Amino acid sequence: MKKSHSMLLAAGILFVMACVVESSMKPLPGVGQIASKGSSIYAMAGEFRTVAANLLWIKADAYHHEYIEKHGDWTANKELIGMFRMIVDLDPHFEEAYASGMYIYLRGYHSPKSALKFLKEGLGYNPNSWDLNRLAALLYAIEYKDYPTAISYAKKSFVYCNDPFDKKVIARLILTLEKKTSENNQVTHLSHSG
């Protein structure tokens, strides 16, 4: 724990020093103005946020495995939500944190609504994520029995997926969801006609 705090502190100090150095730099005579004075600062800030998010993920992963050894069901580890929230605040493109957080909201907190909200936030930042789209399809199908919406997410997942194995799994998911939609339509038709 001390080591990660020390690393974050050192990175923070380095970042502040770089900001001070860059803001005090003056262009050489005859060279012209710097096109974007803060551009390297903003680039460094982005890198710092990504590195910090990755360091938090490593810490969350270690904590996650310790929890599994002692308690078994990792989705009951509600304390990880705070870390996942910090990770996605630092790097909103960190898909794994959205996926893991969705499971904790769903199974640990028993809140499909919170799980869907967190997942939709992740999809807002990562609309082309095959995995987040796949999770949305499963969430709509299993928790909400909304098969048409689940199919639309599953089809997006299929389009964005590059792995042949995962693509086959998603294709089977789409077929299953289409079958469930058809069954529901038949039941609805029968109940209205009788």
N, C-alpha and C. Protein backbone atom coordinates (compact mmCIF):
# COMPACT_ATOMS: atom_id res chain seq x y z
N MET A 1 0.82 -1.18 0.00
CA MET A 1 0.00 0.00 0.00
C MET A 1 0.87 1.25 0.00
N LYS A 2 1.93 1.26 0.86
CA LYS A 2 2.83 2.40 0.91
C LYS A 2 3.51 2.62 -0.43
N LYS A 3 3.85 1.52 -1.11
CA LYS A 3 4.56 1.62 -2.37
C LYS A 3 3.70 2.30 -3.43
N SER A 4 2.41 1.94 -3.51
CA SER A 4 1.55 2.55 -4.50
C SER A 4 1.28 4.01 -4.18
N HIS A 5 1.16 4.34 -2.87
CA HIS A 5 0.99 5.75 -2.49
C HIS A 5 2.23 6.55 -2.86
N SER A 6 3.41 5.97 -2.62
CA SER A 6 4.66 6.64 -2.96
C SER A 6 4.76 6.87 -4.47
N MET A 7 4.35 5.87 -5.24
CA MET A 7 4.41 6.00 -6.70
C MET A 7 3.45 7.08 -7.18
N LEU A 8 2.25 7.13 -6.62
CA LEU A 8 1.28 8.15 -7.00
C LEU A 8 1.77 9.54 -6.60
N LEU A 9 2.35 9.65 -5.42
CA LEU A 9 2.88 10.92 -4.96
C LEU A 9 4.02 11.38 -5.86
N ALA A 10 4.93 10.47 -6.20
CA ALA A 10 6.05 10.82 -7.08
C ALA A 10 5.55 11.25 -8.45
N ALA A 11 4.56 10.55 -8.99
CA ALA A 11 3.99 10.91 -10.29
C ALA A 11 3.33 12.28 -10.21
N GLY A 12 2.64 12.56 -9.11
CA GLY A 12 1.99 13.86 -8.93
C GLY A 12 3.01 14.98 -8.86
N ILE A 13 4.08 14.76 -8.12
CA ILE A 13 5.14 15.78 -8.00
C ILE A 13 5.79 16.02 -9.37
N LEU A 14 6.07 14.95 -10.10
CA LEU A 14 6.65 15.08 -11.43
C LEU A 14 5.73 15.87 -12.36
N PHE A 15 4.45 15.62 -12.28
CA PHE A 15 3.47 16.33 -13.11
C PHE A 15 3.46 17.82 -12.78
N VAL A 16 3.43 18.17 -11.49
CA VAL A 16 3.43 19.57 -11.07
C VAL A 16 4.71 20.26 -11.53
N MET A 17 5.84 19.57 -11.39
CA MET A 17 7.11 20.16 -11.82
C MET A 17 7.09 20.42 -13.33
N ALA A 18 6.55 19.50 -14.10
CA ALA A 18 6.48 19.69 -15.56
C ALA A 18 5.58 20.87 -15.90
N CYS A 19 4.50 21.04 -15.17
CA CYS A 19 3.60 22.18 -15.40
C CYS A 19 4.33 23.49 -15.14
N VAL A 20 5.07 23.56 -14.04
CA VAL A 20 5.81 24.77 -13.68
C VAL A 20 6.86 25.08 -14.73
N VAL A 21 7.61 24.05 -15.14
CA VAL A 21 8.67 24.25 -16.14
C VAL A 21 8.08 24.73 -17.46
N GLU A 22 7.01 24.09 -17.93
CA GLU A 22 6.45 24.48 -19.21
C GLU A 22 5.83 25.87 -19.18
N SER A 23 5.19 26.20 -18.07
CA SER A 23 4.54 27.52 -18.01
C SER A 23 5.57 28.63 -17.91
N SER A 24 6.77 28.34 -17.44
CA SER A 24 7.81 29.37 -17.33
C SER A 24 8.67 29.46 -18.59
N MET A 25 8.51 28.55 -19.54
CA MET A 25 9.31 28.57 -20.76
C MET A 25 8.88 29.71 -21.67
N LYS A 26 9.87 30.37 -22.25
CA LYS A 26 9.59 31.44 -23.21
C LYS A 26 10.18 31.01 -24.54
N PRO A 27 9.46 31.31 -25.63
CA PRO A 27 9.99 30.92 -26.94
C PRO A 27 11.28 31.68 -27.26
N LEU A 28 12.16 31.04 -28.00
CA LEU A 28 13.40 31.67 -28.43
C LEU A 28 13.07 32.79 -29.41
N PRO A 29 13.85 33.88 -29.37
CA PRO A 29 13.58 34.97 -30.31
C PRO A 29 13.66 34.47 -31.76
N GLY A 30 12.70 34.89 -32.58
CA GLY A 30 12.69 34.52 -33.99
C GLY A 30 12.08 33.16 -34.28
N VAL A 31 11.77 32.37 -33.26
CA VAL A 31 11.21 31.05 -33.49
C VAL A 31 9.69 31.13 -33.64
N GLY A 32 9.07 32.14 -33.06
CA GLY A 32 7.62 32.25 -33.15
C GLY A 32 6.96 31.73 -31.88
N GLN A 33 5.68 31.89 -31.84
CA GLN A 33 4.93 31.46 -30.67
C GLN A 33 4.70 29.96 -30.70
N ILE A 34 4.61 29.38 -29.54
CA ILE A 34 4.28 27.97 -29.42
C ILE A 34 2.81 27.83 -29.82
N ALA A 35 2.55 26.90 -30.74
CA ALA A 35 1.21 26.75 -31.30
C ALA A 35 0.17 26.47 -30.21
N SER A 36 0.47 25.61 -29.33
CA SER A 36 -0.49 25.28 -28.28
C SER A 36 0.28 25.15 -26.98
N LYS A 37 0.32 26.26 -26.23
CA LYS A 37 1.17 26.34 -25.05
C LYS A 37 0.95 25.19 -24.05
N GLY A 38 -0.28 24.80 -23.84
CA GLY A 38 -0.55 23.77 -22.86
C GLY A 38 -0.65 22.37 -23.42
N SER A 39 -0.35 22.18 -24.69
CA SER A 39 -0.59 20.88 -25.31
C SER A 39 0.19 19.75 -24.65
N SER A 40 1.45 19.97 -24.32
CA SER A 40 2.21 18.89 -23.70
C SER A 40 1.74 18.64 -22.27
N ILE A 41 1.28 19.70 -21.60
CA ILE A 41 0.74 19.54 -20.25
C ILE A 41 -0.52 18.67 -20.30
N TYR A 42 -1.40 18.98 -21.26
CA TYR A 42 -2.64 18.20 -21.37
C TYR A 42 -2.35 16.76 -21.76
N ALA A 43 -1.37 16.57 -22.62
CA ALA A 43 -1.00 15.20 -23.00
C ALA A 43 -0.46 14.45 -21.78
N MET A 44 0.37 15.13 -21.00
CA MET A 44 0.92 14.50 -19.81
C MET A 44 -0.18 14.21 -18.80
N ALA A 45 -1.14 15.14 -18.67
CA ALA A 45 -2.24 14.92 -17.74
C ALA A 45 -3.04 13.69 -18.15
N GLY A 46 -3.27 13.54 -19.46
CA GLY A 46 -3.99 12.37 -19.94
C GLY A 46 -3.23 11.09 -19.65
N GLU A 47 -1.93 11.11 -19.87
CA GLU A 47 -1.11 9.93 -19.57
C GLU A 47 -1.09 9.65 -18.08
N PHE A 48 -1.01 10.69 -17.27
CA PHE A 48 -1.01 10.51 -15.82
C PHE A 48 -2.31 9.85 -15.37
N ARG A 49 -3.45 10.31 -15.93
CA ARG A 49 -4.74 9.74 -15.56
C ARG A 49 -4.83 8.27 -15.95
N THR A 50 -4.31 7.94 -17.13
CA THR A 50 -4.34 6.55 -17.59
C THR A 50 -3.46 5.67 -16.70
N VAL A 51 -2.28 6.17 -16.38
CA VAL A 51 -1.38 5.41 -15.50
C VAL A 51 -2.01 5.24 -14.13
N ALA A 52 -2.61 6.30 -13.59
CA ALA A 52 -3.24 6.21 -12.28
C ALA A 52 -4.39 5.20 -12.30
N ALA A 53 -5.18 5.21 -13.39
CA ALA A 53 -6.29 4.25 -13.52
C ALA A 53 -5.76 2.82 -13.55
N ASN A 54 -4.67 2.60 -14.28
CA ASN A 54 -4.07 1.27 -14.36
C ASN A 54 -3.51 0.83 -13.01
N LEU A 55 -2.90 1.75 -12.26
CA LEU A 55 -2.39 1.40 -10.94
C LEU A 55 -3.53 1.03 -10.00
N LEU A 56 -4.63 1.77 -10.08
CA LEU A 56 -5.80 1.42 -9.26
C LEU A 56 -6.38 0.07 -9.67
N TRP A 57 -6.36 -0.22 -10.97
CA TRP A 57 -6.87 -1.52 -11.44
C TRP A 57 -6.03 -2.66 -10.88
N ILE A 58 -4.72 -2.48 -10.88
CA ILE A 58 -3.82 -3.51 -10.33
C ILE A 58 -4.14 -3.72 -8.86
N LYS A 59 -4.35 -2.63 -8.13
CA LYS A 59 -4.68 -2.72 -6.71
C LYS A 59 -6.04 -3.41 -6.53
N ALA A 60 -7.03 -3.03 -7.35
CA ALA A 60 -8.36 -3.65 -7.26
C ALA A 60 -8.28 -5.14 -7.57
N ASP A 61 -7.46 -5.50 -8.55
CA ASP A 61 -7.32 -6.91 -8.93
C ASP A 61 -6.72 -7.72 -7.78
N ALA A 62 -5.70 -7.17 -7.14
CA ALA A 62 -5.07 -7.87 -6.01
C ALA A 62 -6.08 -8.03 -4.87
N TYR A 63 -6.81 -6.96 -4.58
CA TYR A 63 -7.82 -7.01 -3.53
C TYR A 63 -8.92 -8.01 -3.87
N HIS A 64 -9.29 -8.03 -5.14
CA HIS A 64 -10.31 -8.95 -5.66
C HIS A 64 -9.91 -10.41 -5.39
N HIS A 65 -8.66 -10.75 -5.69
CA HIS A 65 -8.21 -12.13 -5.51
C HIS A 65 -8.09 -12.50 -4.03
N GLU A 66 -7.70 -11.54 -3.21
CA GLU A 66 -7.68 -11.79 -1.76
C GLU A 66 -9.10 -12.07 -1.26
N TYR A 67 -10.05 -11.30 -1.75
CA TYR A 67 -11.44 -11.46 -1.33
C TYR A 67 -11.96 -12.84 -1.74
N ILE A 68 -11.66 -13.26 -2.96
CA ILE A 68 -12.11 -14.57 -3.44
C ILE A 68 -11.57 -15.70 -2.56
N GLU A 69 -10.30 -15.61 -2.18
CA GLU A 69 -9.70 -16.63 -1.33
C GLU A 69 -10.44 -16.77 0.00
N LYS A 70 -10.89 -15.65 0.56
CA LYS A 70 -11.53 -15.68 1.88
C LYS A 70 -13.04 -15.87 1.81
N HIS A 71 -13.69 -15.31 0.79
CA HIS A 71 -15.15 -15.28 0.78
C HIS A 71 -15.80 -15.99 -0.40
N GLY A 72 -15.07 -16.23 -1.47
CA GLY A 72 -15.63 -16.95 -2.61
C GLY A 72 -16.29 -16.07 -3.65
N ASP A 73 -17.48 -15.58 -3.40
CA ASP A 73 -18.26 -14.84 -4.39
C ASP A 73 -17.74 -13.41 -4.54
N TRP A 74 -17.02 -13.16 -5.61
CA TRP A 74 -16.40 -11.85 -5.79
C TRP A 74 -17.42 -10.74 -6.02
N THR A 75 -18.61 -11.08 -6.50
CA THR A 75 -19.60 -10.04 -6.76
C THR A 75 -20.17 -9.46 -5.47
N ALA A 76 -19.93 -10.12 -4.35
CA ALA A 76 -20.38 -9.59 -3.06
C ALA A 76 -19.40 -8.57 -2.51
N ASN A 77 -18.28 -8.38 -3.16
CA ASN A 77 -17.26 -7.44 -2.71
C ASN A 77 -17.64 -6.02 -3.13
N LYS A 78 -18.57 -5.44 -2.40
CA LYS A 78 -19.13 -4.14 -2.74
C LYS A 78 -18.13 -3.00 -2.61
N GLU A 79 -17.08 -3.22 -1.82
CA GLU A 79 -16.09 -2.16 -1.62
C GLU A 79 -15.33 -1.82 -2.89
N LEU A 80 -15.33 -2.73 -3.86
CA LEU A 80 -14.62 -2.46 -5.11
C LEU A 80 -15.31 -1.39 -5.96
N ILE A 81 -16.59 -1.15 -5.75
CA ILE A 81 -17.30 -0.16 -6.56
C ILE A 81 -16.63 1.20 -6.48
N GLY A 82 -16.19 1.58 -5.30
CA GLY A 82 -15.50 2.87 -5.14
C GLY A 82 -14.25 2.95 -5.99
N MET A 83 -13.48 1.86 -6.02
CA MET A 83 -12.27 1.84 -6.84
C MET A 83 -12.62 1.87 -8.32
N PHE A 84 -13.64 1.11 -8.71
CA PHE A 84 -14.05 1.11 -10.12
C PHE A 84 -14.53 2.50 -10.54
N ARG A 85 -15.24 3.17 -9.64
CA ARG A 85 -15.72 4.52 -9.93
C ARG A 85 -14.53 5.46 -10.17
N MET A 86 -13.51 5.36 -9.31
CA MET A 86 -12.31 6.19 -9.47
C MET A 86 -11.60 5.86 -10.77
N ILE A 87 -11.51 4.58 -11.11
CA ILE A 87 -10.83 4.16 -12.33
C ILE A 87 -11.52 4.76 -13.55
N VAL A 88 -12.84 4.65 -13.63
CA VAL A 88 -13.52 5.17 -14.83
C VAL A 88 -13.59 6.69 -14.82
N ASP A 89 -13.51 7.31 -13.65
CA ASP A 89 -13.42 8.77 -13.62
C ASP A 89 -12.07 9.22 -14.19
N LEU A 90 -11.03 8.47 -13.89
CA LEU A 90 -9.70 8.78 -14.43
C LEU A 90 -9.59 8.42 -15.91
N ASP A 91 -10.15 7.27 -16.27
CA ASP A 91 -10.06 6.80 -17.66
C ASP A 91 -11.40 6.19 -18.06
N PRO A 92 -12.27 6.99 -18.68
CA PRO A 92 -13.61 6.48 -19.04
C PRO A 92 -13.59 5.41 -20.13
N HIS A 93 -12.43 5.10 -20.66
CA HIS A 93 -12.33 4.05 -21.68
C HIS A 93 -11.85 2.72 -21.08
N PHE A 94 -11.85 2.63 -19.76
CA PHE A 94 -11.41 1.43 -19.05
C PHE A 94 -12.59 0.46 -18.96
N GLU A 95 -12.78 -0.31 -20.01
CA GLU A 95 -13.95 -1.17 -20.16
C GLU A 95 -14.06 -2.23 -19.06
N GLU A 96 -12.95 -2.78 -18.62
CA GLU A 96 -12.98 -3.84 -17.62
C GLU A 96 -13.59 -3.36 -16.31
N ALA A 97 -13.33 -2.10 -15.96
CA ALA A 97 -13.90 -1.57 -14.71
C ALA A 97 -15.42 -1.44 -14.83
N TYR A 98 -15.90 -1.03 -16.00
CA TYR A 98 -17.35 -0.97 -16.21
C TYR A 98 -17.98 -2.36 -16.15
N ALA A 99 -17.33 -3.32 -16.79
CA ALA A 99 -17.87 -4.69 -16.81
C ALA A 99 -17.91 -5.28 -15.40
N SER A 100 -16.82 -5.17 -14.67
CA SER A 100 -16.76 -5.73 -13.32
C SER A 100 -17.73 -5.00 -12.39
N GLY A 101 -17.80 -3.69 -12.52
CA GLY A 101 -18.73 -2.91 -11.70
C GLY A 101 -20.17 -3.29 -11.96
N MET A 102 -20.50 -3.55 -13.22
CA MET A 102 -21.85 -3.97 -13.56
C MET A 102 -22.23 -5.24 -12.80
N TYR A 103 -21.32 -6.20 -12.77
CA TYR A 103 -21.58 -7.46 -12.06
C TYR A 103 -21.79 -7.24 -10.56
N ILE A 104 -21.00 -6.35 -9.97
CA ILE A 104 -21.15 -6.10 -8.53
C ILE A 104 -22.48 -5.42 -8.24
N TYR A 105 -22.85 -4.44 -9.07
CA TYR A 105 -24.17 -3.82 -8.88
C TYR A 105 -25.28 -4.86 -9.04
N LEU A 106 -25.14 -5.73 -10.02
CA LEU A 106 -26.17 -6.71 -10.31
C LEU A 106 -26.27 -7.80 -9.25
N ARG A 107 -25.15 -8.42 -8.92
CA ARG A 107 -25.17 -9.57 -8.01
C ARG A 107 -24.89 -9.19 -6.55
N GLY A 108 -24.00 -8.23 -6.33
CA GLY A 108 -23.67 -7.83 -4.96
C GLY A 108 -24.74 -6.95 -4.34
N TYR A 109 -25.18 -5.94 -5.10
CA TYR A 109 -26.21 -5.03 -4.61
C TYR A 109 -27.62 -5.47 -5.02
N HIS A 110 -27.72 -6.45 -5.88
CA HIS A 110 -29.01 -6.94 -6.39
C HIS A 110 -29.81 -5.78 -7.01
N SER A 111 -29.10 -4.97 -7.81
CA SER A 111 -29.73 -3.80 -8.40
C SER A 111 -29.50 -3.78 -9.92
N PRO A 112 -30.40 -4.42 -10.67
CA PRO A 112 -30.28 -4.37 -12.13
C PRO A 112 -30.31 -2.94 -12.66
N LYS A 113 -31.06 -2.08 -11.99
CA LYS A 113 -31.16 -0.68 -12.43
C LYS A 113 -29.79 0.03 -12.34
N SER A 114 -29.10 -0.15 -11.21
CA SER A 114 -27.77 0.46 -11.05
C SER A 114 -26.76 -0.18 -12.00
N ALA A 115 -26.89 -1.50 -12.19
CA ALA A 115 -25.99 -2.20 -13.12
C ALA A 115 -26.16 -1.66 -14.53
N LEU A 116 -27.41 -1.48 -14.95
CA LEU A 116 -27.68 -0.96 -16.29
C LEU A 116 -27.19 0.48 -16.44
N LYS A 117 -27.39 1.29 -15.41
CA LYS A 117 -26.93 2.69 -15.46
C LYS A 117 -25.41 2.76 -15.62
N PHE A 118 -24.69 1.95 -14.83
CA PHE A 118 -23.22 1.95 -14.90
C PHE A 118 -22.75 1.43 -16.25
N LEU A 119 -23.41 0.38 -16.74
CA LEU A 119 -23.05 -0.19 -18.04
C LEU A 119 -23.33 0.80 -19.17
N LYS A 120 -24.45 1.51 -19.10
CA LYS A 120 -24.76 2.50 -20.14
C LYS A 120 -23.77 3.67 -20.11
N GLU A 121 -23.29 4.01 -18.93
CA GLU A 121 -22.24 5.03 -18.85
C GLU A 121 -21.00 4.54 -19.61
N GLY A 122 -20.64 3.29 -19.36
CA GLY A 122 -19.50 2.71 -20.06
C GLY A 122 -19.70 2.67 -21.56
N LEU A 123 -20.91 2.33 -22.00
CA LEU A 123 -21.20 2.29 -23.44
C LEU A 123 -21.20 3.69 -24.04
N GLY A 124 -21.52 4.69 -23.24
CA GLY A 124 -21.46 6.07 -23.73
C GLY A 124 -20.04 6.47 -24.10
N TYR A 125 -19.07 6.00 -23.35
CA TYR A 125 -17.67 6.30 -23.63
C TYR A 125 -17.03 5.27 -24.57
N ASN A 126 -17.62 4.08 -24.64
CA ASN A 126 -17.05 2.98 -25.43
C ASN A 126 -18.13 2.31 -26.27
N PRO A 127 -18.75 3.05 -27.20
CA PRO A 127 -19.88 2.49 -27.95
C PRO A 127 -19.50 1.30 -28.83
N ASN A 128 -18.26 1.19 -29.20
CA ASN A 128 -17.81 0.09 -30.07
C ASN A 128 -17.23 -1.09 -29.30
N SER A 129 -17.48 -1.15 -28.01
CA SER A 129 -16.97 -2.25 -27.19
C SER A 129 -17.85 -3.47 -27.39
N TRP A 130 -17.29 -4.52 -27.94
CA TRP A 130 -18.08 -5.74 -28.14
C TRP A 130 -18.49 -6.34 -26.81
N ASP A 131 -17.59 -6.26 -25.81
CA ASP A 131 -17.87 -6.88 -24.53
C ASP A 131 -18.97 -6.13 -23.77
N LEU A 132 -18.91 -4.80 -23.73
CA LEU A 132 -19.95 -4.05 -23.04
C LEU A 132 -21.30 -4.20 -23.74
N ASN A 133 -21.30 -4.26 -25.06
CA ASN A 133 -22.55 -4.50 -25.79
C ASN A 133 -23.09 -5.90 -25.50
N ARG A 134 -22.20 -6.87 -25.39
CA ARG A 134 -22.61 -8.24 -25.06
C ARG A 134 -23.23 -8.28 -23.66
N LEU A 135 -22.60 -7.60 -22.71
CA LEU A 135 -23.13 -7.55 -21.35
C LEU A 135 -24.49 -6.86 -21.32
N ALA A 136 -24.66 -5.81 -22.11
CA ALA A 136 -25.96 -5.14 -22.18
C ALA A 136 -27.02 -6.09 -22.72
N ALA A 137 -26.66 -6.87 -23.73
CA ALA A 137 -27.60 -7.85 -24.29
C ALA A 137 -28.02 -8.85 -23.21
N LEU A 138 -27.06 -9.36 -22.48
CA LEU A 138 -27.36 -10.33 -21.42
C LEU A 138 -28.19 -9.71 -20.30
N LEU A 139 -27.86 -8.49 -19.93
CA LEU A 139 -28.60 -7.82 -18.86
C LEU A 139 -30.06 -7.59 -19.26
N TYR A 140 -30.27 -7.10 -20.48
CA TYR A 140 -31.65 -6.88 -20.93
C TYR A 140 -32.42 -8.20 -21.04
N ALA A 141 -31.74 -9.24 -21.49
CA ALA A 141 -32.42 -10.53 -21.66
C ALA A 141 -32.73 -11.19 -20.32
N ILE A 142 -31.75 -11.28 -19.46
CA ILE A 142 -31.91 -12.04 -18.22
C ILE A 142 -32.71 -11.27 -17.17
N GLU A 143 -32.37 -10.01 -16.97
CA GLU A 143 -33.00 -9.26 -15.88
C GLU A 143 -34.31 -8.58 -16.28
N TYR A 144 -34.40 -8.15 -17.55
CA TYR A 144 -35.58 -7.38 -17.97
C TYR A 144 -36.49 -8.14 -18.93
N LYS A 145 -36.03 -9.28 -19.42
CA LYS A 145 -36.80 -10.07 -20.41
C LYS A 145 -37.18 -9.22 -21.62
N ASP A 146 -36.35 -8.23 -21.93
CA ASP A 146 -36.55 -7.35 -23.08
C ASP A 146 -35.68 -7.88 -24.22
N TYR A 147 -36.20 -8.88 -24.90
CA TYR A 147 -35.41 -9.58 -25.92
C TYR A 147 -35.13 -8.73 -27.16
N PRO A 148 -36.05 -7.91 -27.64
CA PRO A 148 -35.71 -7.08 -28.81
C PRO A 148 -34.55 -6.12 -28.53
N THR A 149 -34.53 -5.49 -27.35
CA THR A 149 -33.41 -4.61 -27.00
C THR A 149 -32.14 -5.43 -26.85
N ALA A 150 -32.25 -6.59 -26.23
CA ALA A 150 -31.09 -7.47 -26.07
C ALA A 150 -30.51 -7.85 -27.42
N ILE A 151 -31.38 -8.14 -28.39
CA ILE A 151 -30.91 -8.50 -29.74
C ILE A 151 -30.12 -7.35 -30.36
N SER A 152 -30.62 -6.13 -30.21
CA SER A 152 -29.91 -5.00 -30.82
C SER A 152 -28.50 -4.85 -30.24
N TYR A 153 -28.35 -5.04 -28.93
CA TYR A 153 -27.01 -4.97 -28.32
C TYR A 153 -26.15 -6.17 -28.75
N ALA A 154 -26.76 -7.34 -28.84
CA ALA A 154 -26.01 -8.52 -29.25
C ALA A 154 -25.50 -8.36 -30.68
N LYS A 155 -26.31 -7.79 -31.54
CA LYS A 155 -25.88 -7.58 -32.93
C LYS A 155 -24.73 -6.57 -33.01
N LYS A 156 -24.78 -5.53 -32.19
CA LYS A 156 -23.66 -4.58 -32.14
C LYS A 156 -22.40 -5.30 -31.66
N SER A 157 -22.56 -6.13 -30.64
CA SER A 157 -21.43 -6.88 -30.11
C SER A 157 -20.81 -7.75 -31.19
N PHE A 158 -21.65 -8.40 -31.98
CA PHE A 158 -21.17 -9.27 -33.05
C PHE A 158 -20.36 -8.47 -34.08
N VAL A 159 -20.86 -7.30 -34.43
CA VAL A 159 -20.18 -6.46 -35.42
C VAL A 159 -18.81 -6.01 -34.92
N TYR A 160 -18.72 -5.63 -33.65
CA TYR A 160 -17.48 -5.08 -33.10
C TYR A 160 -16.47 -6.14 -32.66
N CYS A 161 -16.91 -7.38 -32.53
CA CYS A 161 -16.04 -8.45 -32.05
C CYS A 161 -15.11 -8.93 -33.16
N ASN A 162 -13.85 -9.13 -32.83
CA ASN A 162 -12.86 -9.61 -33.80
C ASN A 162 -12.42 -11.04 -33.57
N ASP A 163 -12.71 -11.58 -32.40
CA ASP A 163 -12.26 -12.92 -32.05
C ASP A 163 -13.25 -13.95 -32.61
N PRO A 164 -12.77 -14.92 -33.40
CA PRO A 164 -13.68 -15.90 -34.01
C PRO A 164 -14.48 -16.72 -32.98
N PHE A 165 -13.85 -17.11 -31.89
CA PHE A 165 -14.57 -17.89 -30.88
C PHE A 165 -15.70 -17.07 -30.27
N ASP A 166 -15.36 -15.85 -29.82
CA ASP A 166 -16.37 -14.99 -29.20
C ASP A 166 -17.48 -14.64 -30.19
N LYS A 167 -17.12 -14.49 -31.47
CA LYS A 167 -18.12 -14.19 -32.49
C LYS A 167 -19.13 -15.34 -32.61
N LYS A 168 -18.65 -16.58 -32.52
CA LYS A 168 -19.56 -17.74 -32.56
C LYS A 168 -20.49 -17.75 -31.35
N VAL A 169 -19.94 -17.43 -30.19
CA VAL A 169 -20.75 -17.39 -28.97
C VAL A 169 -21.83 -16.32 -29.10
N ILE A 170 -21.46 -15.16 -29.62
CA ILE A 170 -22.44 -14.08 -29.77
C ILE A 170 -23.49 -14.44 -30.82
N ALA A 171 -23.08 -15.12 -31.88
CA ALA A 171 -24.05 -15.56 -32.90
C ALA A 171 -25.08 -16.51 -32.28
N ARG A 172 -24.63 -17.40 -31.41
CA ARG A 172 -25.56 -18.30 -30.71
C ARG A 172 -26.48 -17.52 -29.77
N LEU A 173 -25.92 -16.51 -29.13
CA LEU A 173 -26.72 -15.66 -28.25
C LEU A 173 -27.84 -14.98 -29.06
N ILE A 174 -27.50 -14.47 -30.23
CA ILE A 174 -28.49 -13.81 -31.08
C ILE A 174 -29.59 -14.80 -31.46
N LEU A 175 -29.21 -16.01 -31.86
CA LEU A 175 -30.22 -17.02 -32.21
C LEU A 175 -31.13 -17.33 -31.03
N THR A 176 -30.55 -17.46 -29.85
CA THR A 176 -31.34 -17.74 -28.65
C THR A 176 -32.30 -16.60 -28.35
N LEU A 177 -31.82 -15.37 -28.46
CA LEU A 177 -32.66 -14.21 -28.20
C LEU A 177 -33.79 -14.10 -29.23
N GLU A 178 -33.48 -14.41 -30.48
CA GLU A 178 -34.52 -14.39 -31.52
C GLU A 178 -35.58 -15.45 -31.24
N LYS A 179 -35.15 -16.61 -30.76
CA LYS A 179 -36.09 -17.68 -30.41
C LYS A 179 -36.99 -17.24 -29.24
N LYS A 180 -36.38 -16.62 -28.22
CA LYS A 180 -37.15 -16.14 -27.08
C LYS A 180 -38.15 -15.06 -27.51
N THR A 181 -37.75 -14.19 -28.43
CA THR A 181 -38.64 -13.16 -28.93
C THR A 181 -39.83 -13.79 -29.65
N SER A 182 -39.53 -14.80 -30.45
CA SER A 182 -40.59 -15.49 -31.19
C SER A 182 -41.55 -16.19 -30.23
N GLU A 183 -41.01 -16.86 -29.22
CA GLU A 183 -41.85 -17.53 -28.22
C GLU A 183 -42.74 -16.53 -27.49
N ASN A 184 -42.16 -15.38 -27.12
CA ASN A 184 -42.94 -14.35 -26.43
C ASN A 184 -44.05 -13.80 -27.32
N ASN A 185 -43.74 -13.62 -28.60
CA ASN A 185 -44.75 -13.12 -29.53
C ASN A 185 -45.90 -14.11 -29.67
N GLN A 186 -45.59 -15.42 -29.69
CA GLN A 186 -46.63 -16.44 -29.79
C GLN A 186 -47.51 -16.45 -28.55
N VAL A 187 -46.88 -16.34 -27.37
CA VAL A 187 -47.62 -16.32 -26.12
C VAL A 187 -48.53 -15.09 -26.07
N THR A 188 -47.99 -13.94 -26.47
CA THR A 188 -48.77 -12.71 -26.49
C THR A 188 -49.94 -12.82 -27.44
N HIS A 189 -49.70 -13.38 -28.62
CA HIS A 189 -50.75 -13.55 -29.62
C HIS A 189 -51.86 -14.48 -29.09
N LEU A 190 -51.45 -15.58 -28.45
CA LEU A 190 -52.42 -16.53 -27.89
C LEU A 190 -53.25 -15.90 -26.78
N SER A 191 -52.61 -15.11 -25.93
CA SER A 191 -53.33 -14.52 -24.80
C SER A 191 -54.32 -13.45 -25.28
N HIS A 192 -53.99 -12.78 -26.39
CA HIS A 192 -54.91 -11.76 -26.92
C HIS A 192 -56.05 -12.38 -27.73
N SER A 193 -55.82 -13.54 -28.30
CA SER A 193 -56.86 -14.16 -29.14
C SER A 193 -57.85 -14.96 -28.30
N GLY A 194 -57.52 -15.29 -27.09
CA GLY A 194 -58.39 -16.13 -26.27
C GLY A 194 -59.20 -15.36 -25.36
